[in-house]
């Protein structure tokens, strides 16, 4: 199943977004 891989990519994107938000603030 490639769903697990997709979930990992989403988590990585979410982490990057959160990090950018923290840096922006």
N, C-alpha and C. Protein backbone atom coordinates (compact mmCIF):
# COMPACT_ATOMS: atom_id res chain seq x y z
N UNK A 1 0.86 -1.21 0.00
CA UNK A 1 0.00 0.00 0.00
C UNK A 1 0.89 1.26 0.00
N UNK A 2 0.60 2.17 -0.85
CA UNK A 2 1.41 3.40 -0.91
C UNK A 2 0.80 4.49 -0.02
N UNK A 3 -0.23 4.11 0.73
CA UNK A 3 -0.87 5.12 1.58
C UNK A 3 0.08 5.52 2.72
N UNK A 4 0.82 4.56 3.23
CA UNK A 4 1.74 4.87 4.34
C UNK A 4 2.75 5.92 3.88
N UNK A 5 3.28 5.74 2.67
CA UNK A 5 4.27 6.69 2.17
C UNK A 5 3.65 8.08 2.05
N UNK A 6 2.42 8.14 1.57
CA UNK A 6 1.75 9.43 1.42
C UNK A 6 1.59 10.09 2.79
N UNK A 7 1.26 9.28 3.79
CA UNK A 7 1.08 9.84 5.14
C UNK A 7 2.40 10.43 5.63
N UNK A 8 3.49 9.74 5.33
CA UNK A 8 4.80 10.25 5.77
C UNK A 8 5.07 11.61 5.11
N UNK A 9 4.76 11.71 3.83
CA UNK A 9 5.01 12.97 3.12
C UNK A 9 4.15 14.08 3.74
N UNK A 10 2.91 13.75 4.07
CA UNK A 10 2.01 14.77 4.65
C UNK A 10 2.56 15.23 6.00
N UNK A 11 3.03 14.26 6.79
CA UNK A 11 3.58 14.62 8.10
C UNK A 11 4.79 15.54 7.93
N UNK A 12 5.65 15.21 6.97
CA UNK A 12 6.85 16.02 6.75
C UNK A 12 6.42 17.43 6.32
N UNK A 13 5.41 17.52 5.49
CA UNK A 13 4.95 18.84 5.02
C UNK A 13 4.38 19.62 6.21
N UNK A 14 3.59 18.94 7.03
CA UNK A 14 2.98 19.60 8.19
C UNK A 14 4.09 20.10 9.13
N UNK A 15 5.12 19.27 9.33
CA UNK A 15 6.23 19.66 10.21
C UNK A 15 6.90 20.91 9.64
N UNK A 16 7.14 20.90 8.34
CA UNK A 16 7.81 22.06 7.72
C UNK A 16 6.94 23.30 7.88
N UNK A 17 5.65 23.15 7.69
CA UNK A 17 4.74 24.30 7.80
C UNK A 17 4.77 24.84 9.23
N UNK A 18 4.73 23.93 10.21
CA UNK A 18 4.76 24.37 11.61
C UNK A 18 6.08 25.08 11.92
N UNK A 19 7.18 24.54 11.39
CA UNK A 19 8.49 25.16 11.65
C UNK A 19 8.51 26.56 11.04
N UNK A 20 8.03 26.69 9.82
CA UNK A 20 8.01 28.00 9.16
C UNK A 20 7.15 28.97 9.96
N UNK A 21 6.03 28.50 10.47
CA UNK A 21 5.14 29.37 11.24
C UNK A 21 5.86 29.85 12.50
N UNK A 22 6.55 28.93 13.16
CA UNK A 22 7.28 29.31 14.39
C UNK A 22 8.35 30.34 14.06
N UNK A 23 9.04 30.15 12.95
CA UNK A 23 10.12 31.08 12.58
C UNK A 23 9.50 32.44 12.23
N UNK A 24 8.36 32.40 11.53
CA UNK A 24 7.71 33.65 11.13
C UNK A 24 7.35 34.46 12.38
N UNK A 25 6.87 33.77 13.39
CA UNK A 25 6.46 34.48 14.61
C UNK A 25 7.71 34.92 15.34
